[in-house]
Amino acid sequence: MPWIAPASIEAVARPLDADEALVAPFYRGKRGHPAGFGIAYREALMALDGDAGARGIFSTTTPFSVDVDDPNVLRDIDLPSDLRPE
């Protein structure tokens, strides 16, 4: 996710350092990337298979939300075509 500002990544990392278990950045009320996972989710993440990613974790847990002023957190990069500038 090359367009995410370093400050947004740092904003997600800070609560993890303070022992939050699950952190996500939000831009204008929409959850974005990257999500941050604490050690509590190690086993669940290790057990993931396929391309569903960590969606299941988010369906059962509300993340600690960090508001960022970075619309690029909403851009998801899964395919080379997703790398085209907007």
PDB file of N, CA and C in Angstrom:
ATOM      1  N   MET A   1       0.843  -1.166   0.000  1.00  0.00           N
ATOM      2  CA  MET A   1       0.000   0.000   0.000  1.00  0.00           C
ATOM      3  C   MET A   1       0.892   1.234   0.000  1.00  0.00           C
ATOM      4  N   PRO A   2       1.432   1.501  -1.175  1.00  0.00           N
ATOM      5  CA  PRO A   2       2.499   2.498  -1.271  1.00  0.00           C
ATOM      6  C   PRO A   2       2.088   3.937  -1.027  1.00  0.00           C
ATOM      7  N   TRP A   3       0.824   4.247  -1.043  1.00  0.00           N
ATOM      8  CA  TRP A   3       0.425   5.654  -0.905  1.00  0.00           C
ATOM      9  C   TRP A   3       0.061   6.035   0.521  1.00  0.00           C
ATOM     10  N   ILE A   4       0.080   5.103   1.435  1.00  0.00           N
ATOM     11  CA  ILE A   4      -0.256   5.414   2.827  1.00  0.00           C
ATOM     12  C   ILE A   4       0.869   6.248   3.435  1.00  0.00           C
ATOM     13  N   ALA A   5       0.489   7.335   4.076  1.00  0.00           N
ATOM     14  CA  ALA A   5       1.472   8.233   4.688  1.00  0.00           C
ATOM     15  C   ALA A   5       2.138   7.550   5.887  1.00  0.00           C
ATOM     16  N   PRO A   6       3.439   7.748   6.061  1.00  0.00           N
ATOM     17  CA  PRO A   6       4.120   7.187   7.227  1.00  0.00           C
ATOM     18  C   PRO A   6       3.437   7.577   8.541  1.00  0.00           C
ATOM     19  N   ALA A   7       2.875   8.771   8.610  1.00  0.00           N
ATOM     20  CA  ALA A   7       2.184   9.196   9.839  1.00  0.00           C
ATOM     21  C   ALA A   7       0.972   8.319  10.135  1.00  0.00           C
ATOM     22  N   SER A   8       0.320   7.819   9.100  1.00  0.00           N
ATOM     23  CA  SER A   8      -0.835   6.939   9.306  1.00  0.00           C
ATOM     24  C   SER A   8      -0.385   5.595   9.872  1.00  0.00           C
ATOM     25  N   ILE A   9       0.709   5.089   9.360  1.00  0.00           N
ATOM     26  CA  ILE A   9       1.248   3.825   9.875  1.00  0.00           C
ATOM     27  C   ILE A   9       1.671   3.996  11.330  1.00  0.00           C
ATOM     28  N   GLU A  10       2.306   5.099  11.621  1.00  0.00           N
ATOM     29  CA  GLU A  10       2.714   5.382  12.999  1.00  0.00           C
ATOM     30  C   GLU A  10       1.494   5.521  13.915  1.00  0.00           C
ATOM     31  N   ALA A  11       0.425   6.127  13.409  1.00  0.00           N
ATOM     32  CA  ALA A  11      -0.793   6.298  14.212  1.00  0.00           C
ATOM     33  C   ALA A  11      -1.409   4.951  14.571  1.00  0.00           C
ATOM     34  N   VAL A  12      -1.259   3.958  13.711  1.00  0.00           N
ATOM     35  CA  VAL A  12      -1.745   2.608  14.012  1.00  0.00           C
ATOM     36  C   VAL A  12      -0.799   1.914  14.989  1.00  0.00           C
ATOM     37  N   ALA A  13       0.490   2.117  14.823  1.00  0.00           N
ATOM     38  CA  ALA A  13       1.474   1.440  15.665  1.00  0.00           C
ATOM     39  C   ALA A  13       1.444   1.904  17.121  1.00  0.00           C
ATOM     40  N   ARG A  14       1.198   3.198  17.347  1.00  0.00           N
ATOM     41  CA  ARG A  14       1.234   3.726  18.723  1.00  0.00           C
ATOM     42  C   ARG A  14       0.291   2.998  19.675  1.00  0.00           C
ATOM     43  N   PRO A  15      -0.986   2.790  19.330  1.00  0.00           N
ATOM     44  CA  PRO A  15      -1.865   2.068  20.254  1.00  0.00           C
ATOM     45  C   PRO A  15      -1.447   0.605  20.453  1.00  0.00           C
ATOM     46  N   LEU A  16      -0.851   0.006  19.432  1.00  0.00           N
ATOM     47  CA  LEU A  16      -0.347  -1.359  19.604  1.00  0.00           C
ATOM     48  C   LEU A  16       0.763  -1.381  20.641  1.00  0.00           C
ATOM     49  N   ASP A  17       1.615  -0.372  20.607  1.00  0.00           N
ATOM     50  CA  ASP A  17       2.681  -0.263  21.612  1.00  0.00           C
ATOM     51  C   ASP A  17       2.112  -0.082  23.013  1.00  0.00           C
ATOM     52  N   ALA A  18       0.893   0.460  23.095  1.00  0.00           N
ATOM     53  CA  ALA A  18       0.232   0.680  24.388  1.00  0.00           C
ATOM     54  C   ALA A  18      -0.709  -0.480  24.726  1.00  0.00           C
ATOM     55  N   ASP A  19      -0.508  -1.640  24.073  1.00  0.00           N
ATOM     56  CA  ASP A  19      -1.216  -2.890  24.359  1.00  0.00           C
ATOM     57  C   ASP A  19      -2.637  -2.997  23.828  1.00  0.00           C
ATOM     58  N   GLU A  20      -3.023  -2.163  22.867  1.00  0.00           N
ATOM     59  CA  GLU A  20      -4.300  -2.413  22.182  1.00  0.00           C
ATOM     60  C   GLU A  20      -4.125  -3.690  21.368  1.00  0.00           C
ATOM     61  N   ALA A  21      -5.176  -4.481  21.265  1.00  0.00           N
ATOM     62  CA  ALA A  21      -5.078  -5.764  20.567  1.00  0.00           C
ATOM     63  C   ALA A  21      -5.357  -5.655  19.070  1.00  0.00           C
ATOM     64  N   LEU A  22      -6.227  -4.738  18.689  1.00  0.00           N
ATOM     65  CA  LEU A  22      -6.629  -4.598  17.293  1.00  0.00           C
ATOM     66  C   LEU A  22      -6.841  -3.113  17.006  1.00  0.00           C
ATOM     67  N   VAL A  23      -6.172  -2.611  15.984  1.00  0.00           N
ATOM     68  CA  VAL A  23      -6.207  -1.175  15.680  1.00  0.00           C
ATOM     69  C   VAL A  23      -6.463  -0.997  14.191  1.00  0.00           C
ATOM     70  N   ALA A  24      -7.274  -0.009  13.841  1.00  0.00           N
ATOM     71  CA  ALA A  24      -7.511   0.300  12.435  1.00  0.00           C
ATOM     72  C   ALA A  24      -7.601   1.801  12.246  1.00  0.00           C
ATOM     73  N   PRO A  25      -7.039   2.284  11.126  1.00  0.00           N
ATOM     74  CA  PRO A  25      -7.185   3.703  10.816  1.00  0.00           C
ATOM     75  C   PRO A  25      -8.539   3.971  10.181  1.00  0.00           C
ATOM     76  N   PHE A  26      -9.068   5.133  10.453  1.00  0.00           N
ATOM     77  CA  PHE A  26     -10.350   5.550   9.868  1.00  0.00           C
ATOM     78  C   PHE A  26     -10.155   6.900   9.205  1.00  0.00           C
ATOM     79  N   TYR A  27     -10.690   7.023   7.995  1.00  0.00           N
ATOM     80  CA  TYR A  27     -10.686   8.289   7.284  1.00  0.00           C
ATOM     81  C   TYR A  27     -12.138   8.653   7.009  1.00  0.00           C
ATOM     82  N   ARG A  28     -12.575   9.768   7.588  1.00  0.00           N
ATOM     83  CA  ARG A  28     -13.955  10.247   7.438  1.00  0.00           C
ATOM     84  C   ARG A  28     -14.980   9.148   7.741  1.00  0.00           C
ATOM     85  N   GLY A  29     -14.716   8.404   8.804  1.00  0.00           N
ATOM     86  CA  GLY A  29     -15.655   7.391   9.272  1.00  0.00           C
ATOM     87  C   GLY A  29     -15.562   6.043   8.592  1.00  0.00           C
ATOM     88  N   LYS A  30     -14.672   5.890   7.629  1.00  0.00           N
ATOM     89  CA  LYS A  30     -14.511   4.609   6.932  1.00  0.00           C
ATOM     90  C   LYS A  30     -13.217   3.941   7.367  1.00  0.00           C
ATOM     91  N   ARG A  31     -13.336   2.650   7.701  1.00  0.00           N
ATOM     92  CA  ARG A  31     -12.160   1.903   8.127  1.00  0.00           C
ATOM     93  C   ARG A  31     -11.239   1.657   6.945  1.00  0.00           C
ATOM     94  N   GLY A  32      -9.946   1.824   7.197  1.00  0.00           N
ATOM     95  CA  GLY A  32      -8.968   1.649   6.137  1.00  0.00           C
ATOM     96  C   GLY A  32      -7.877   0.664   6.489  1.00  0.00           C
ATOM     97  N   HIS A  33      -6.749   0.842   5.825  1.00  0.00           N
ATOM     98  CA  HIS A  33      -5.588  -0.027   5.963  1.00  0.00           C
ATOM     99  C   HIS A  33      -4.399   0.821   6.402  1.00  0.00           C
ATOM    100  N   PRO A  34      -3.430   0.278   7.050  1.00  0.00           N
ATOM    101  CA  PRO A  34      -3.289  -1.098   7.467  1.00  0.00           C
ATOM    102  C   PRO A  34      -3.889  -1.307   8.848  1.00  0.00           C
ATOM    103  N   ALA A  35      -4.415  -2.474   9.071  1.00  0.00           N
ATOM    104  CA  ALA A  35      -4.859  -2.840  10.413  1.00  0.00           C
ATOM    105  C   ALA A  35      -3.635  -3.275  11.206  1.00  0.00           C
ATOM    106  N   GLY A  36      -3.707  -3.076  12.488  1.00  0.00           N
ATOM    107  CA  GLY A  36      -2.623  -3.514  13.367  1.00  0.00           C
ATOM    108  C   GLY A  36      -3.137  -4.555  14.335  1.00  0.00           C
ATOM    109  N   PHE A  37      -2.383  -5.625  14.491  1.00  0.00           N
ATOM    110  CA  PHE A  37      -2.782  -6.729  15.359  1.00  0.00           C
ATOM    111  C   PHE A  37      -1.744  -6.933  16.445  1.00  0.00           C
ATOM    112  N   GLY A  38      -2.230  -7.007  17.677  1.00  0.00           N
ATOM    113  CA  GLY A  38      -1.357  -7.305  18.801  1.00  0.00           C
ATOM    114  C   GLY A  38      -1.140  -8.803  18.921  1.00  0.00           C
ATOM    115  N   ILE A  39      -0.317  -9.181  19.876  1.00  0.00           N
ATOM    116  CA  ILE A  39       0.041 -10.583  20.088  1.00  0.00           C
ATOM    117  C   ILE A  39      -1.179 -11.458  20.371  1.00  0.00           C
ATOM    118  N   ALA A  40      -2.237 -10.882  20.887  1.00  0.00           N
ATOM    119  CA  ALA A  40      -3.444 -11.663  21.187  1.00  0.00           C
ATOM    120  C   ALA A  40      -4.020 -12.334  19.943  1.00  0.00           C
ATOM    121  N   TYR A  41      -3.707 -11.802  18.779  1.00  0.00           N
ATOM    122  CA  TYR A  41      -4.247 -12.358  17.531  1.00  0.00           C
ATOM    123  C   TYR A  41      -3.235 -13.217  16.770  1.00  0.00           C
ATOM    124  N   ARG A  42      -2.132 -13.516  17.393  1.00  0.00           N
ATOM    125  CA  ARG A  42      -1.089 -14.289  16.711  1.00  0.00           C
ATOM    126  C   ARG A  42      -1.617 -15.612  16.178  1.00  0.00           C
ATOM    127  N   GLU A  43      -2.230 -16.400  17.026  1.00  0.00           N
ATOM    128  CA  GLU A  43      -2.715 -17.724  16.611  1.00  0.00           C
ATOM    129  C   GLU A  43      -3.788 -17.614  15.532  1.00  0.00           C
ATOM    130  N   ALA A  44      -4.704 -16.679  15.685  1.00  0.00           N
ATOM    131  CA  ALA A  44      -5.767 -16.505  14.687  1.00  0.00           C
ATOM    132  C   ALA A  44      -5.185 -16.117  13.336  1.00  0.00           C
ATOM    133  N   LEU A  45      -4.173 -15.253  13.338  1.00  0.00           N
ATOM    134  CA  LEU A  45      -3.547 -14.845  12.086  1.00  0.00           C
ATOM    135  C   LEU A  45      -2.754 -15.981  11.459  1.00  0.00           C
ATOM    136  N   MET A  46      -2.091 -16.769  12.285  1.00  0.00           N
ATOM    137  CA  MET A  46      -1.316 -17.901  11.780  1.00  0.00           C
ATOM    138  C   MET A  46      -2.220 -18.961  11.151  1.00  0.00           C
ATOM    139  N   ALA A  47      -3.464 -19.028  11.609  1.00  0.00           N
ATOM    140  CA  ALA A  47      -4.394 -20.042  11.105  1.00  0.00           C
ATOM    141  C   ALA A  47      -5.128 -19.615   9.835  1.00  0.00           C
ATOM    142  N   LEU A  48      -4.935 -18.375   9.394  1.00  0.00           N
ATOM    143  CA  LEU A  48      -5.647 -17.898   8.207  1.00  0.00           C
ATOM    144  C   LEU A  48      -5.222 -18.667   6.973  1.00  0.00           C
ATOM    145  N   ASP A  49      -6.194 -18.898   6.103  1.00  0.00           N
ATOM    146  CA  ASP A  49      -5.933 -19.592   4.854  1.00  0.00           C
ATOM    147  C   ASP A  49      -6.804 -18.961   3.775  1.00  0.00           C
ATOM    148  N   GLY A  50      -6.299 -18.881   2.572  1.00  0.00           N
ATOM    149  CA  GLY A  50      -7.080 -18.311   1.487  1.00  0.00           C
ATOM    150  C   GLY A  50      -6.959 -16.806   1.446  1.00  0.00           C
ATOM    151  N   ASP A  51      -7.834 -16.193   0.659  1.00  0.00           N
ATOM    152  CA  ASP A  51      -7.725 -14.743   0.453  1.00  0.00           C
ATOM    153  C   ASP A  51      -8.714 -13.929   1.273  1.00  0.00           C
ATOM    154  N   ALA A  52      -9.396 -14.541   2.231  1.00  0.00           N
ATOM    155  CA  ALA A  52     -10.349 -13.799   3.064  1.00  0.00           C
ATOM    156  C   ALA A  52      -9.631 -12.873   4.037  1.00  0.00           C
ATOM    157  N   GLY A  53      -8.362 -13.147   4.289  1.00  0.00           N
ATOM    158  CA  GLY A  53      -7.606 -12.310   5.209  1.00  0.00           C
ATOM    159  C   GLY A  53      -8.186 -12.340   6.607  1.00  0.00           C
ATOM    160  N   ALA A  54      -8.098 -11.228   7.279  1.00  0.00           N
ATOM    161  CA  ALA A  54      -8.524 -11.138   8.675  1.00  0.00           C
ATOM    162  C   ALA A  54      -9.958 -10.638   8.821  1.00  0.00           C
ATOM    163  N   ARG A  55     -10.754 -10.722   7.768  1.00  0.00           N
ATOM    164  CA  ARG A  55     -12.142 -10.237   7.850  1.00  0.00           C
ATOM    165  C   ARG A  55     -12.912 -10.859   9.004  1.00  0.00           C
ATOM    166  N   GLY A  56     -12.666 -12.135   9.250  1.00  0.00           N
ATOM    167  CA  GLY A  56     -13.368 -12.822  10.340  1.00  0.00           C
ATOM    168  C   GLY A  56     -13.093 -12.207  11.696  1.00  0.00           C
ATOM    169  N   ILE A  57     -11.874 -11.760  11.897  1.00  0.00           N
ATOM    170  CA  ILE A  57     -11.525 -11.115  13.171  1.00  0.00           C
ATOM    171  C   ILE A  57     -12.320  -9.823  13.322  1.00  0.00           C
ATOM    172  N   PHE A  58     -12.420  -9.063  12.249  1.00  0.00           N
ATOM    173  CA  PHE A  58     -13.161  -7.803  12.314  1.00  0.00           C
ATOM    174  C   PHE A  58     -14.662  -8.026  12.453  1.00  0.00           C
ATOM    175  N   SER A  59     -15.152  -9.199  12.071  1.00  0.00           N
ATOM    176  CA  SER A  59     -16.588  -9.455  12.199  1.00  0.00           C
ATOM    177  C   SER A  59     -16.974  -9.753  13.643  1.00  0.00           C
ATOM    178  N   THR A  60     -15.991 -10.082  14.481  1.00  0.00           N
ATOM    179  CA  THR A  60     -16.302 -10.408  15.873  1.00  0.00           C
ATOM    180  C   THR A  60     -15.717  -9.432  16.884  1.00  0.00           C
ATOM    181  N   THR A  61     -14.863  -8.522  16.417  1.00  0.00           N
ATOM    182  CA  THR A  61     -14.179  -7.600  17.324  1.00  0.00           C
ATOM    183  C   THR A  61     -14.189  -6.193  16.748  1.00  0.00           C
ATOM    184  N   THR A  62     -14.444  -5.225  17.591  1.00  0.00           N
ATOM    185  CA  THR A  62     -14.382  -3.826  17.176  1.00  0.00           C
ATOM    186  C   THR A  62     -12.967  -3.311  17.417  1.00  0.00           C
ATOM    187  N   PRO A  63     -12.322  -2.795  16.378  1.00  0.00           N
ATOM    188  CA  PRO A  63     -10.947  -2.326  16.581  1.00  0.00           C
ATOM    189  C   PRO A  63     -10.905  -0.995  17.318  1.00  0.00           C
ATOM    190  N   PHE A  64      -9.779  -0.744  17.939  1.00  0.00           N
ATOM    191  CA  PHE A  64      -9.480   0.584  18.451  1.00  0.00           C
ATOM    192  C   PHE A  64      -9.314   1.458  17.218  1.00  0.00           C
ATOM    193  N   SER A  65     -10.067   2.533  17.128  1.00  0.00           N
ATOM    194  CA  SER A  65     -10.034   3.341  15.913  1.00  0.00           C
ATOM    195  C   SER A  65      -9.114   4.550  16.078  1.00  0.00           C
ATOM    196  N   VAL A  66      -8.385   4.819  15.011  1.00  0.00           N
ATOM    197  CA  VAL A  66      -7.480   5.952  14.951  1.00  0.00           C
ATOM    198  C   VAL A  66      -7.912   6.788  13.758  1.00  0.00           C
ATOM    199  N   ASP A  67      -8.330   8.016  14.007  1.00  0.00           N
ATOM    200  CA  ASP A  67      -8.699   8.905  12.912  1.00  0.00           C
ATOM    201  C   ASP A  67      -7.439   9.468  12.279  1.00  0.00           C
ATOM    202  N   VAL A  68      -7.354   9.364  10.959  1.00  0.00           N
ATOM    203  CA  VAL A  68      -6.210   9.901  10.222  1.00  0.00           C
ATOM    204  C   VAL A  68      -6.713  10.816   9.120  1.00  0.00           C
ATOM    205  N   ASP A  69      -5.871  11.738   8.719  1.00  0.00           N
ATOM    206  CA  ASP A  69      -6.196  12.653   7.627  1.00  0.00           C
ATOM    207  C   ASP A  69      -5.457  12.183   6.374  1.00  0.00           C
ATOM    208  N   ASP A  70      -5.757  10.949   5.966  1.00  0.00           N
ATOM    209  CA  ASP A  70      -5.041  10.313   4.865  1.00  0.00           C
ATOM    210  C   ASP A  70      -6.022   9.453   4.066  1.00  0.00           C
ATOM    211  N   PRO A  71      -6.569   9.987   2.977  1.00  0.00           N
ATOM    212  CA  PRO A  71      -7.540   9.212   2.198  1.00  0.00           C
ATOM    213  C   PRO A  71      -6.956   7.941   1.599  1.00  0.00           C
ATOM    214  N   ASN A  72      -5.634   7.857   1.533  1.00  0.00           N
ATOM    215  CA  ASN A  72      -5.020   6.673   0.944  1.00  0.00           C
ATOM    216  C   ASN A  72      -5.157   5.423   1.795  1.00  0.00           C
ATOM    217  N   VAL A  73      -5.558   5.572   3.050  1.00  0.00           N
ATOM    218  CA  VAL A  73      -5.789   4.368   3.860  1.00  0.00           C
ATOM    219  C   VAL A  73      -6.985   3.574   3.328  1.00  0.00           C
ATOM    220  N   LEU A  74      -7.811   4.211   2.499  1.00  0.00           N
ATOM    221  CA  LEU A  74      -8.974   3.534   1.938  1.00  0.00           C
ATOM    222  C   LEU A  74      -8.641   2.758   0.662  1.00  0.00           C
ATOM    223  N   ARG A  75      -7.443   2.945   0.138  1.00  0.00           N
ATOM    224  CA  ARG A  75      -7.037   2.246  -1.087  1.00  0.00           C
ATOM    225  C   ARG A  75      -6.481   0.880  -0.733  1.00  0.00           C
ATOM    226  N   ASP A  76      -7.085  -0.160  -1.287  1.00  0.00           N
ATOM    227  CA  ASP A  76      -6.635  -1.528  -1.040  1.00  0.00           C
ATOM    228  C   ASP A  76      -5.894  -2.022  -2.277  1.00  0.00           C
ATOM    229  N   ILE A  77      -4.727  -2.571  -2.067  1.00  0.00           N
ATOM    230  CA  ILE A  77      -3.914  -3.068  -3.172  1.00  0.00           C
ATOM    231  C   ILE A  77      -3.892  -4.593  -3.105  1.00  0.00           C
ATOM    232  N   ASP A  78      -4.601  -5.231  -4.030  1.00  0.00           N
ATOM    233  CA  ASP A  78      -4.607  -6.684  -4.120  1.00  0.00           C
ATOM    234  C   ASP A  78      -4.021  -7.196  -5.428  1.00  0.00           C
ATOM    235  N   LEU A  79      -4.128  -6.391  -6.470  1.00  0.00           N
ATOM    236  CA  LEU A  79      -3.699  -6.791  -7.806  1.00  0.00           C
ATOM    237  C   LEU A  79      -2.793  -5.717  -8.399  1.00  0.00           C
ATOM    238  N   PRO A  80      -1.933  -6.077  -9.351  1.00  0.00           N
ATOM    239  CA  PRO A  80      -1.096  -5.056  -9.984  1.00  0.00           C
ATOM    240  C   PRO A  80      -1.915  -3.900 -10.568  1.00  0.00           C
ATOM    241  N   SER A  81      -3.102  -4.180 -11.058  1.00  0.00           N
ATOM    242  CA  SER A  81      -3.928  -3.113 -11.611  1.00  0.00           C
ATOM    243  C   SER A  81      -4.376  -2.101 -10.544  1.00  0.00           C
ATOM    244  N   ASP A  82      -4.362  -2.503  -9.285  1.00  0.00           N
ATOM    245  CA  ASP A  82      -4.732  -1.597  -8.199  1.00  0.00           C
ATOM    246  C   ASP A  82      -3.654  -0.531  -7.956  1.00  0.00           C
ATOM    247  N   LEU A  83      -2.495  -0.711  -8.549  1.00  0.00           N
ATOM    248  CA  LEU A  83      -1.396   0.236  -8.365  1.00  0.00           C
ATOM    249  C   LEU A  83      -1.486   1.456  -9.262  1.00  0.00           C
ATOM    250  N   ARG A  84      -2.485   1.492 -10.131  1.00  0.00           N
ATOM    251  CA  ARG A  84      -2.653   2.666 -10.983  1.00  0.00           C
ATOM    252  C   ARG A  84      -3.042   3.876 -10.141  1.00  0.00           C
ATOM    253  N   PRO A  85      -2.388   5.007 -10.376  1.00  0.00           N
ATOM    254  CA  PRO A  85      -2.747   6.224  -9.606  1.00  0.00           C
ATOM    255  C   PRO A  85      -4.192   6.623  -9.869  1.00  0.00           C
ATOM    256  N   GLU A  86      -4.811   7.207  -8.869  1.00  0.00           N
ATOM    257  CA  GLU A  86      -6.187   7.671  -9.020  1.00  0.00           C
ATOM    258  C   GLU A  86      -6.218   9.072  -9.548  1.00  0.00           C
TER     259      GLU A  86
END
